[in-house]
PDB file of N, CA and C in Angstrom:
ATOM      1  N   MET A   1     -98.611 148.284 -58.835  1.00  0.00           N
ATOM      2  CA  MET A   1     -99.191 147.127 -58.138  1.00  0.00           C
ATOM      3  C   MET A   1     -98.099 146.574 -57.590  1.00  0.00           C
ATOM      4  N   LYS A   2     -96.969 146.288 -58.181  1.00  0.00           N
ATOM      5  CA  LYS A   2     -95.604 145.717 -57.501  1.00  0.00           C
ATOM      6  C   LYS A   2     -95.121 146.486 -56.436  1.00  0.00           C
ATOM      7  N   LYS A   3     -95.184 148.024 -56.531  1.00  0.00           N
ATOM      8  CA  LYS A   3     -94.775 148.814 -55.305  1.00  0.00           C
ATOM      9  C   LYS A   3     -95.815 148.583 -54.058  1.00  0.00           C
ATOM     10  N   LEU A   4     -97.113 148.564 -54.252  1.00  0.00           N
ATOM     11  CA  LEU A   4     -98.085 148.514 -53.273  1.00  0.00           C
ATOM     12  C   LEU A   4     -97.897 147.190 -52.728  1.00  0.00           C
ATOM     13  N   ILE A   5     -97.472 146.102 -53.435  1.00  0.00           N
ATOM     14  CA  ILE A   5     -97.619 144.672 -52.771  1.00  0.00           C
ATOM     15  C   ILE A   5     -96.344 144.894 -51.837  1.00  0.00           C
ATOM     16  N   ASN A   6     -95.187 145.465 -52.498  1.00  0.00           N
ATOM     17  CA  ASN A   6     -94.037 145.520 -51.665  1.00  0.00           C
ATOM     18  C   ASN A   6     -94.072 146.185 -50.804  1.00  0.00           C
ATOM     19  N   LEU A   7     -94.668 147.279 -50.837  1.00  0.00           N
ATOM     20  CA  LEU A   7     -94.986 148.331 -49.202  1.00  0.00           C
ATOM     21  C   LEU A   7     -95.898 147.541 -48.072  1.00  0.00           C
ATOM     22  N   LEU A   8     -96.974 146.836 -48.749  1.00  0.00           N
ATOM     23  CA  LEU A   8     -97.920 145.936 -47.914  1.00  0.00           C
ATOM     24  C   LEU A   8     -96.992 145.004 -47.158  1.00  0.00           C
ATOM     25  N   GLY A   9     -96.190 144.204 -47.938  1.00  0.00           N
ATOM     26  CA  GLY A   9     -95.228 143.157 -47.288  1.00  0.00           C
ATOM     27  C   GLY A   9     -94.256 143.968 -46.152  1.00  0.00           C
ATOM     28  N   PHE A  10     -93.631 144.830 -46.367  1.00  0.00           N
ATOM     29  CA  PHE A  10     -92.748 145.522 -45.382  1.00  0.00           C
ATOM     30  C   PHE A  10     -93.691 145.965 -44.318  1.00  0.00           C
ATOM     31  N   ALA A  11     -94.706 146.605 -44.556  1.00  0.00           N
ATOM     32  CA  ALA A  11     -95.492 147.144 -43.574  1.00  0.00           C
ATOM     33  C   ALA A  11     -96.178 145.944 -42.666  1.00  0.00           C
ATOM     34  N   PHE A  12     -96.528 144.855 -43.286  1.00  0.00           N
ATOM     35  CA  PHE A  12     -97.112 143.660 -42.108  1.00  0.00           C
ATOM     36  C   PHE A  12     -95.891 142.770 -41.475  1.00  0.00           C
ATOM     37  N   ALA A  13     -94.907 142.837 -42.250  1.00  0.00           N
ATOM     38  CA  ALA A  13     -93.702 142.470 -41.521  1.00  0.00           C
ATOM     39  C   ALA A  13     -92.887 143.114 -40.369  1.00  0.00           C
ATOM     40  N   PHE A  14     -93.339 144.647 -40.548  1.00  0.00           N
ATOM     41  CA  PHE A  14     -92.996 145.434 -39.323  1.00  0.00           C
ATOM     42  C   PHE A  14     -94.094 145.324 -38.137  1.00  0.00           C
ATOM     43  N   ILE A  15     -95.282 145.254 -38.661  1.00  0.00           N
ATOM     44  CA  ILE A  15     -96.487 145.411 -37.549  1.00  0.00           C
ATOM     45  C   ILE A  15     -96.275 143.736 -36.884  1.00  0.00           C
ATOM     46  N   THR A  16     -95.928 142.853 -37.702  1.00  0.00           N
ATOM     47  CA  THR A  16     -95.723 141.153 -37.169  1.00  0.00           C
ATOM     48  C   THR A  16     -94.413 141.533 -36.163  1.00  0.00           C
ATOM     49  N   SER A  17     -93.481 142.140 -36.178  1.00  0.00           N
ATOM     50  CA  SER A  17     -92.480 141.921 -35.572  1.00  0.00           C
ATOM     51  C   SER A  17     -92.611 142.919 -34.371  1.00  0.00           C
ATOM     52  N   ILE A  18     -93.537 143.718 -34.332  1.00  0.00           N
ATOM     53  CA  ILE A  18     -94.036 144.583 -33.022  1.00  0.00           C
ATOM     54  C   ILE A  18     -95.092 143.663 -32.249  1.00  0.00           C
ATOM     55  N   LEU A  19     -95.728 143.049 -32.634  1.00  0.00           N
ATOM     56  CA  LEU A  19     -96.501 142.003 -32.088  1.00  0.00           C
ATOM     57  C   LEU A  19     -95.681 140.958 -31.223  1.00  0.00           C
ATOM     58  N   ILE A  20     -94.470 140.360 -32.255  1.00  0.00           N
ATOM     59  CA  ILE A  20     -94.044 139.541 -31.363  1.00  0.00           C
ATOM     60  C   ILE A  20     -93.282 139.995 -29.894  1.00  0.00           C
ATOM     61  N   ILE A  21     -92.923 141.297 -30.130  1.00  0.00           N
ATOM     62  CA  ILE A  21     -91.981 141.957 -28.904  1.00  0.00           C
ATOM     63  C   ILE A  21     -93.218 142.127 -28.061  1.00  0.00           C
ATOM     64  N   CYS A  22     -94.488 142.706 -28.230  1.00  0.00           N
ATOM     65  CA  CYS A  22     -95.324 142.929 -27.259  1.00  0.00           C
ATOM     66  C   CYS A  22     -95.688 141.508 -26.472  1.00  0.00           C
ATOM     67  N   THR A  23     -96.058 140.629 -27.472  1.00  0.00           N
ATOM     68  CA  THR A  23     -96.318 139.168 -26.856  1.00  0.00           C
ATOM     69  C   THR A  23     -95.292 138.403 -25.963  1.00  0.00           C
ATOM     70  N   PHE A  24     -94.042 138.949 -26.467  1.00  0.00           N
ATOM     71  CA  PHE A  24     -93.003 138.179 -25.524  1.00  0.00           C
ATOM     72  C   PHE A  24     -92.755 138.768 -24.254  1.00  0.00           C
ATOM     73  N   MET A  25     -93.213 140.564 -24.348  1.00  0.00           N
ATOM     74  CA  MET A  25     -93.132 140.857 -22.993  1.00  0.00           C
ATOM     75  C   MET A  25     -94.208 140.760 -22.019  1.00  0.00           C
ATOM     76  N   THR A  26     -95.100 140.356 -22.562  1.00  0.00           N
ATOM     77  CA  THR A  26     -96.554 140.163 -21.954  1.00  0.00           C
ATOM     78  C   THR A  26     -96.283 138.454 -21.290  1.00  0.00           C
ATOM     79  N   THR A  27     -95.775 137.782 -22.342  1.00  0.00           N
ATOM     80  CA  THR A  27     -96.053 136.441 -21.666  1.00  0.00           C
ATOM     81  C   THR A  27     -94.962 136.093 -20.695  1.00  0.00           C
ATOM     82  N   TYR A  28     -93.859 136.516 -20.966  1.00  0.00           N
ATOM     83  CA  TYR A  28     -92.483 136.337 -19.842  1.00  0.00           C
ATOM     84  C   TYR A  28     -92.729 137.162 -18.816  1.00  0.00           C
ATOM     85  N   GLN A  29     -93.472 138.098 -18.514  1.00  0.00           N
ATOM     86  CA  GLN A  29     -94.094 139.113 -17.505  1.00  0.00           C
ATOM     87  C   GLN A  29     -92.910 140.353 -17.335  1.00  0.00           C
ATOM     88  N   PHE A  30     -92.128 140.428 -18.203  1.00  0.00           N
ATOM     89  CA  PHE A  30     -91.263 141.697 -18.174  1.00  0.00           C
ATOM     90  C   PHE A  30     -92.141 143.053 -18.365  1.00  0.00           C
ATOM     91  N   TYR A  31     -93.145 142.936 -18.943  1.00  0.00           N
ATOM     92  CA  TYR A  31     -93.789 144.346 -19.030  1.00  0.00           C
ATOM     93  C   TYR A  31     -95.581 144.006 -19.643  1.00  0.00           C
ATOM     94  N   TYR A  32     -96.371 144.415 -18.663  1.00  0.00           N
ATOM     95  CA  TYR A  32     -97.653 144.266 -19.179  1.00  0.00           C
ATOM     96  C   TYR A  32     -98.364 144.907 -20.540  1.00  0.00           C
ATOM     97  N   VAL A  33     -98.450 144.437 -21.526  1.00  0.00           N
ATOM     98  CA  VAL A  33     -99.010 145.309 -22.710  1.00  0.00           C
ATOM     99  C   VAL A  33    -100.312 145.223 -22.757  1.00  0.00           C
ATOM    100  N   GLY A  34    -100.933 144.201 -22.759  1.00  0.00           N
ATOM    101  CA  GLY A  34    -102.428 144.101 -22.939  1.00  0.00           C
ATOM    102  C   GLY A  34    -102.893 142.725 -23.090  1.00  0.00           C
ATOM    103  N   GLN A  35    -104.234 142.456 -22.453  1.00  0.00           N
ATOM    104  CA  GLN A  35    -104.622 140.888 -22.357  1.00  0.00           C
ATOM    105  C   GLN A  35    -104.560 140.486 -23.540  1.00  0.00           C
ATOM    106  N   ILE A  36    -104.845 140.916 -24.602  1.00  0.00           N
ATOM    107  CA  ILE A  36    -104.654 140.098 -25.779  1.00  0.00           C
ATOM    108  C   ILE A  36    -103.271 139.352 -26.109  1.00  0.00           C
ATOM    109  N   PHE A  37    -102.470 140.005 -25.430  1.00  0.00           N
ATOM    110  CA  PHE A  37    -100.882 139.401 -25.905  1.00  0.00           C
ATOM    111  C   PHE A  37    -100.658 138.417 -24.814  1.00  0.00           C
ATOM    112  N   ASN A  38    -101.446 137.634 -23.938  1.00  0.00           N
ATOM    113  CA  ASN A  38    -101.494 136.652 -23.200  1.00  0.00           C
ATOM    114  C   ASN A  38    -101.437 135.564 -24.083  1.00  0.00           C
ATOM    115  N   SER A  39    -101.586 135.429 -25.224  1.00  0.00           N
ATOM    116  CA  SER A  39    -101.627 134.151 -25.827  1.00  0.00           C
ATOM    117  C   SER A  39    -100.942 134.491 -27.173  1.00  0.00           C
ATOM    118  N   TYR A  40    -100.581 133.465 -27.917  1.00  0.00           N
ATOM    119  CA  TYR A  40     -99.830 133.657 -29.244  1.00  0.00           C
ATOM    120  C   TYR A  40    -100.680 133.918 -30.266  1.00  0.00           C
ATOM    121  N   LEU A  41    -101.703 134.090 -30.361  1.00  0.00           N
ATOM    122  CA  LEU A  41    -102.844 134.245 -31.142  1.00  0.00           C
ATOM    123  C   LEU A  41    -102.348 135.741 -32.338  1.00  0.00           C
ATOM    124  N   PRO A  42    -101.923 136.765 -31.513  1.00  0.00           N
ATOM    125  CA  PRO A  42    -101.482 138.078 -32.363  1.00  0.00           C
ATOM    126  C   PRO A  42    -100.247 137.577 -33.270  1.00  0.00           C
ATOM    127  N   ILE A  43     -99.305 136.748 -32.745  1.00  0.00           N
ATOM    128  CA  ILE A  43     -98.387 136.534 -33.253  1.00  0.00           C
ATOM    129  C   ILE A  43     -98.668 135.588 -34.829  1.00  0.00           C
ATOM    130  N   GLN A  44     -99.770 134.545 -34.403  1.00  0.00           N
ATOM    131  CA  GLN A  44     -99.997 134.005 -35.433  1.00  0.00           C
ATOM    132  C   GLN A  44    -101.071 134.469 -36.506  1.00  0.00           C
ATOM    133  N   LEU A  45    -101.685 135.356 -36.130  1.00  0.00           N
ATOM    134  CA  LEU A  45    -102.363 136.422 -36.931  1.00  0.00           C
ATOM    135  C   LEU A  45    -101.625 137.047 -37.712  1.00  0.00           C
ATOM    136  N   GLY A  46    -100.680 137.955 -37.351  1.00  0.00           N
ATOM    137  CA  GLY A  46     -99.474 138.422 -38.038  1.00  0.00           C
ATOM    138  C   GLY A  46     -98.925 137.956 -38.968  1.00  0.00           C
ATOM    139  N   VAL A  47     -98.207 136.903 -38.494  1.00  0.00           N
ATOM    140  CA  VAL A  47     -97.281 135.648 -39.607  1.00  0.00           C
ATOM    141  C   VAL A  47     -98.624 135.103 -40.614  1.00  0.00           C
ATOM    142  N   CYS A  48     -99.804 134.748 -40.249  1.00  0.00           N
ATOM    143  CA  CYS A  48    -100.546 134.538 -41.310  1.00  0.00           C
ATOM    144  C   CYS A  48    -100.652 135.354 -42.229  1.00  0.00           C
ATOM    145  N   ILE A  49    -100.859 136.790 -42.165  1.00  0.00           N
ATOM    146  CA  ILE A  49    -101.459 137.954 -43.056  1.00  0.00           C
ATOM    147  C   ILE A  49    -100.265 138.113 -43.723  1.00  0.00           C
ATOM    148  N   THR A  50     -98.953 138.318 -43.049  1.00  0.00           N
ATOM    149  CA  THR A  50     -97.681 138.639 -43.759  1.00  0.00           C
ATOM    150  C   THR A  50     -97.181 137.464 -44.630  1.00  0.00           C
ATOM    151  N   MET A  51     -97.597 136.214 -44.450  1.00  0.00           N
ATOM    152  CA  MET A  51     -97.250 135.129 -45.442  1.00  0.00           C
ATOM    153  C   MET A  51     -98.033 135.239 -46.467  1.00  0.00           C
ATOM    154  N   ALA A  52     -99.190 135.411 -46.427  1.00  0.00           N
ATOM    155  CA  ALA A  52    -100.230 135.681 -47.400  1.00  0.00           C
ATOM    156  C   ALA A  52     -99.605 136.741 -48.325  1.00  0.00           C
ATOM    157  N   ILE A  53     -99.520 137.638 -48.035  1.00  0.00           N
ATOM    158  CA  ILE A  53     -99.134 139.094 -48.860  1.00  0.00           C
ATOM    159  C   ILE A  53     -97.847 138.411 -49.449  1.00  0.00           C
ATOM    160  N   ILE A  54     -96.905 137.941 -48.567  1.00  0.00           N
ATOM    161  CA  ILE A  54     -95.571 137.371 -49.516  1.00  0.00           C
ATOM    162  C   ILE A  54     -95.832 136.420 -50.386  1.00  0.00           C
ATOM    163  N   ALA A  55     -96.758 135.947 -50.108  1.00  0.00           N
ATOM    164  CA  ALA A  55     -97.377 134.366 -51.161  1.00  0.00           C
ATOM    165  C   ALA A  55     -97.800 135.264 -52.504  1.00  0.00           C
ATOM    166  N   LEU A  56     -98.420 136.275 -52.246  1.00  0.00           N
ATOM    167  CA  LEU A  56     -98.973 137.076 -53.366  1.00  0.00           C
ATOM    168  C   LEU A  56     -98.018 137.670 -54.310  1.00  0.00           C
ATOM    169  N   ARG A  57     -97.050 138.263 -53.341  1.00  0.00           N
ATOM    170  CA  ARG A  57     -95.818 139.088 -53.793  1.00  0.00           C
ATOM    171  C   ARG A  57     -95.220 137.969 -54.805  1.00  0.00           C
ATOM    172  N   PHE A  58     -94.798 136.986 -54.528  1.00  0.00           N
ATOM    173  CA  PHE A  58     -93.992 135.764 -55.245  1.00  0.00           C
ATOM    174  C   PHE A  58     -94.938 135.576 -56.615  1.00  0.00           C
ATOM    175  N   LEU A  59     -96.181 135.074 -56.611  1.00  0.00           N
ATOM    176  CA  LEU A  59     -96.918 134.931 -57.322  1.00  0.00           C
ATOM    177  C   LEU A  59     -96.764 136.108 -58.535  1.00  0.00           C
ATOM    178  N   ILE A  60     -97.079 137.194 -58.105  1.00  0.00           N
ATOM    179  CA  ILE A  60     -97.063 138.284 -59.126  1.00  0.00           C
ATOM    180  C   ILE A  60     -95.609 138.938 -59.390  1.00  0.00           C
ATOM    181  N   ILE A  61     -94.764 138.839 -58.745  1.00  0.00           N
ATOM    182  CA  ILE A  61     -93.109 139.611 -59.105  1.00  0.00           C
ATOM    183  C   ILE A  61     -92.290 138.449 -59.564  1.00  0.00           C
ATOM    184  N   GLU A  62     -92.258 137.258 -59.018  1.00  0.00           N
ATOM    185  CA  GLU A  62     -91.185 136.566 -59.450  1.00  0.00           C
ATOM    186  C   GLU A  62     -91.612 135.724 -60.559  1.00  0.00           C
ATOM    187  N   THR A  63     -90.434 135.032 -61.272  1.00  0.00           N
ATOM    188  CA  THR A  63     -90.582 134.306 -62.457  1.00  0.00           C
ATOM    189  C   THR A  63     -89.913 133.284 -62.481  1.00  0.00           C
ATOM    190  N   GLY A  64     -90.290 132.077 -62.984  1.00  0.00           N
ATOM    191  CA  GLY A  64     -89.702 130.730 -63.248  1.00  0.00           C
ATOM    192  C   GLY A  64     -90.147 129.862 -62.346  1.00  0.00           C
ATOM    193  N   LYS A  65     -89.509 128.773 -61.997  1.00  0.00           N
ATOM    194  CA  LYS A  65     -89.996 127.868 -61.054  1.00  0.00           C
ATOM    195  C   LYS A  65     -90.111 128.280 -59.860  1.00  0.00           C
ATOM    196  N   LYS A  66     -89.354 129.260 -59.171  1.00  0.00           N
ATOM    197  CA  LYS A  66     -89.043 129.314 -58.031  1.00  0.00           C
ATOM    198  C   LYS A  66     -90.474 130.358 -57.510  1.00  0.00           C
ATOM    199  N   ARG A  67     -91.252 130.785 -58.587  1.00  0.00           N
ATOM    200  CA  ARG A  67     -92.126 131.703 -58.516  1.00  0.00           C
ATOM    201  C   ARG A  67     -93.275 130.801 -57.715  1.00  0.00           C
ATOM    202  N   LEU A  68     -93.426 129.381 -58.506  1.00  0.00           N
ATOM    203  CA  LEU A  68     -94.560 128.674 -57.918  1.00  0.00           C
ATOM    204  C   LEU A  68     -94.077 127.987 -56.502  1.00  0.00           C
ATOM    205  N   VAL A  69     -92.843 127.511 -56.322  1.00  0.00           N
ATOM    206  CA  VAL A  69     -92.495 126.750 -55.436  1.00  0.00           C
ATOM    207  C   VAL A  69     -92.571 127.787 -54.258  1.00  0.00           C
ATOM    208  N   TYR A  70     -92.139 129.128 -54.255  1.00  0.00           N
ATOM    209  CA  TYR A  70     -91.947 129.947 -53.069  1.00  0.00           C
ATOM    210  C   TYR A  70     -93.696 130.205 -52.581  1.00  0.00           C
ATOM    211  N   PHE A  71     -94.527 130.396 -53.915  1.00  0.00           N
ATOM    212  CA  PHE A  71     -95.851 130.614 -53.403  1.00  0.00           C
ATOM    213  C   PHE A  71     -96.428 129.795 -52.817  1.00  0.00           C
ATOM    214  N   ALA A  72     -96.053 128.459 -53.130  1.00  0.00           N
ATOM    215  CA  ALA A  72     -96.837 127.220 -52.417  1.00  0.00           C
ATOM    216  C   ALA A  72     -96.568 126.939 -51.074  1.00  0.00           C
ATOM    217  N   PHE A  73     -95.152 127.455 -50.861  1.00  0.00           N
ATOM    218  CA  PHE A  73     -94.637 127.283 -49.310  1.00  0.00           C
ATOM    219  C   PHE A  73     -94.993 128.430 -48.647  1.00  0.00           C
ATOM    220  N   SER A  74     -95.266 129.729 -49.165  1.00  0.00           N
ATOM    221  CA  SER A  74     -95.923 130.658 -48.357  1.00  0.00           C
ATOM    222  C   SER A  74     -97.434 130.790 -47.844  1.00  0.00           C
ATOM    223  N   LEU A  75     -97.969 130.262 -49.003  1.00  0.00           N
ATOM    224  CA  LEU A  75     -99.436 129.612 -48.916  1.00  0.00           C
ATOM    225  C   LEU A  75     -99.710 128.804 -47.674  1.00  0.00           C
ATOM    226  N   ALA A  76     -98.807 127.755 -47.994  1.00  0.00           N
ATOM    227  CA  ALA A  76     -98.856 126.606 -47.076  1.00  0.00           C
ATOM    228  C   ALA A  76     -98.731 126.832 -45.601  1.00  0.00           C
ATOM    229  N   ILE A  77     -98.045 127.884 -45.547  1.00  0.00           N
ATOM    230  CA  ILE A  77     -97.663 128.291 -43.983  1.00  0.00           C
ATOM    231  C   ILE A  77     -98.840 129.295 -43.698  1.00  0.00           C
ATOM    232  N   SER A  78     -99.363 130.024 -44.342  1.00  0.00           N
ATOM    233  CA  SER A  78    -100.305 130.949 -43.906  1.00  0.00           C
ATOM    234  C   SER A  78    -101.701 130.161 -43.771  1.00  0.00           C
ATOM    235  N   VAL A  79    -102.005 129.059 -44.580  1.00  0.00           N
ATOM    236  CA  VAL A  79    -102.921 128.343 -44.078  1.00  0.00           C
ATOM    237  C   VAL A  79    -102.831 127.416 -43.067  1.00  0.00           C
ATOM    238  N   SER A  80    -101.782 126.715 -42.806  1.00  0.00           N
ATOM    239  CA  SER A  80    -101.584 126.110 -41.754  1.00  0.00           C
ATOM    240  C   SER A  80    -101.768 126.903 -40.396  1.00  0.00           C
ATOM    241  N   LEU A  81    -101.393 128.105 -40.303  1.00  0.00           N
ATOM    242  CA  LEU A  81    -101.761 128.878 -39.282  1.00  0.00           C
ATOM    243  C   LEU A  81    -103.020 129.430 -39.118  1.00  0.00           C
ATOM    244  N   ILE A  82    -103.994 129.266 -40.139  1.00  0.00           N
ATOM    245  CA  ILE A  82    -105.436 129.486 -39.748  1.00  0.00           C
ATOM    246  C   ILE A  82    -105.930 128.585 -39.263  1.00  0.00           C
ATOM    247  N   PHE A  83    -105.015 127.221 -39.735  1.00  0.00           N
ATOM    248  CA  PHE A  83    -105.709 125.848 -38.971  1.00  0.00           C
ATOM    249  C   PHE A  83    -105.766 125.770 -37.343  1.00  0.00           C
ATOM    250  N   PHE A  84    -104.423 126.213 -37.157  1.00  0.00           N
ATOM    251  CA  PHE A  84    -103.991 126.471 -35.679  1.00  0.00           C
ATOM    252  C   PHE A  84    -104.867 127.575 -34.887  1.00  0.00           C
ATOM    253  N   MET A  85    -105.347 128.742 -35.646  1.00  0.00           N
ATOM    254  CA  MET A  85    -105.835 129.825 -34.834  1.00  0.00           C
ATOM    255  C   MET A  85    -107.281 129.152 -34.571  1.00  0.00           C
ATOM    256  N   ILE A  86    -107.981 128.433 -35.712  1.00  0.00           N
ATOM    257  CA  ILE A  86    -109.187 127.959 -35.229  1.00  0.00           C
ATOM    258  C   ILE A  86    -109.259 126.649 -34.506  1.00  0.00           C
ATOM    259  N   ASN A  87    -108.129 126.211 -34.078  1.00  0.00           N
ATOM    260  CA  ASN A  87    -108.149 125.105 -33.099  1.00  0.00           C
ATOM    261  C   ASN A  87    -108.270 123.795 -33.846  1.00  0.00           C
ATOM    262  N   LEU A  88    -108.118 123.657 -35.079  1.00  0.00           N
ATOM    263  CA  LEU A  88    -108.370 122.247 -35.781  1.00  0.00           C
ATOM    264  C   LEU A  88    -107.468 121.258 -35.630  1.00  0.00           C
ATOM    265  N   ILE A  89    -106.006 121.792 -35.557  1.00  0.00           N
ATOM    266  CA  ILE A  89    -104.936 121.070 -35.059  1.00  0.00           C
ATOM    267  C   ILE A  89    -104.610 121.316 -33.549  1.00  0.00           C
ATOM    268  N   LYS A  90    -104.887 120.588 -32.645  1.00  0.00           N
ATOM    269  CA  LYS A  90    -104.481 120.563 -31.246  1.00  0.00           C
ATOM    270  C   LYS A  90    -103.074 119.822 -30.794  1.00  0.00           C
TER     271      LYS A  90
END
């Protein structure tokens, strides 16, 4: 279980890195990658999923006080990105 969560964390971090590169290339008109990359929604979605996986990783793998603190911060980032994606915060 620990190896699977670590693998998912690294995989989604890599995918999020690619999403960031594609979004910046399209937004700043270096190269047109696709219509979806004209906004920051792919970055928000990638970071949201990655932070949720990292929060789960901290909850399962870490011990002690930092287990709950890191879990809470990671989950707070993930939830706040969901609010931004559905336009509850403008």
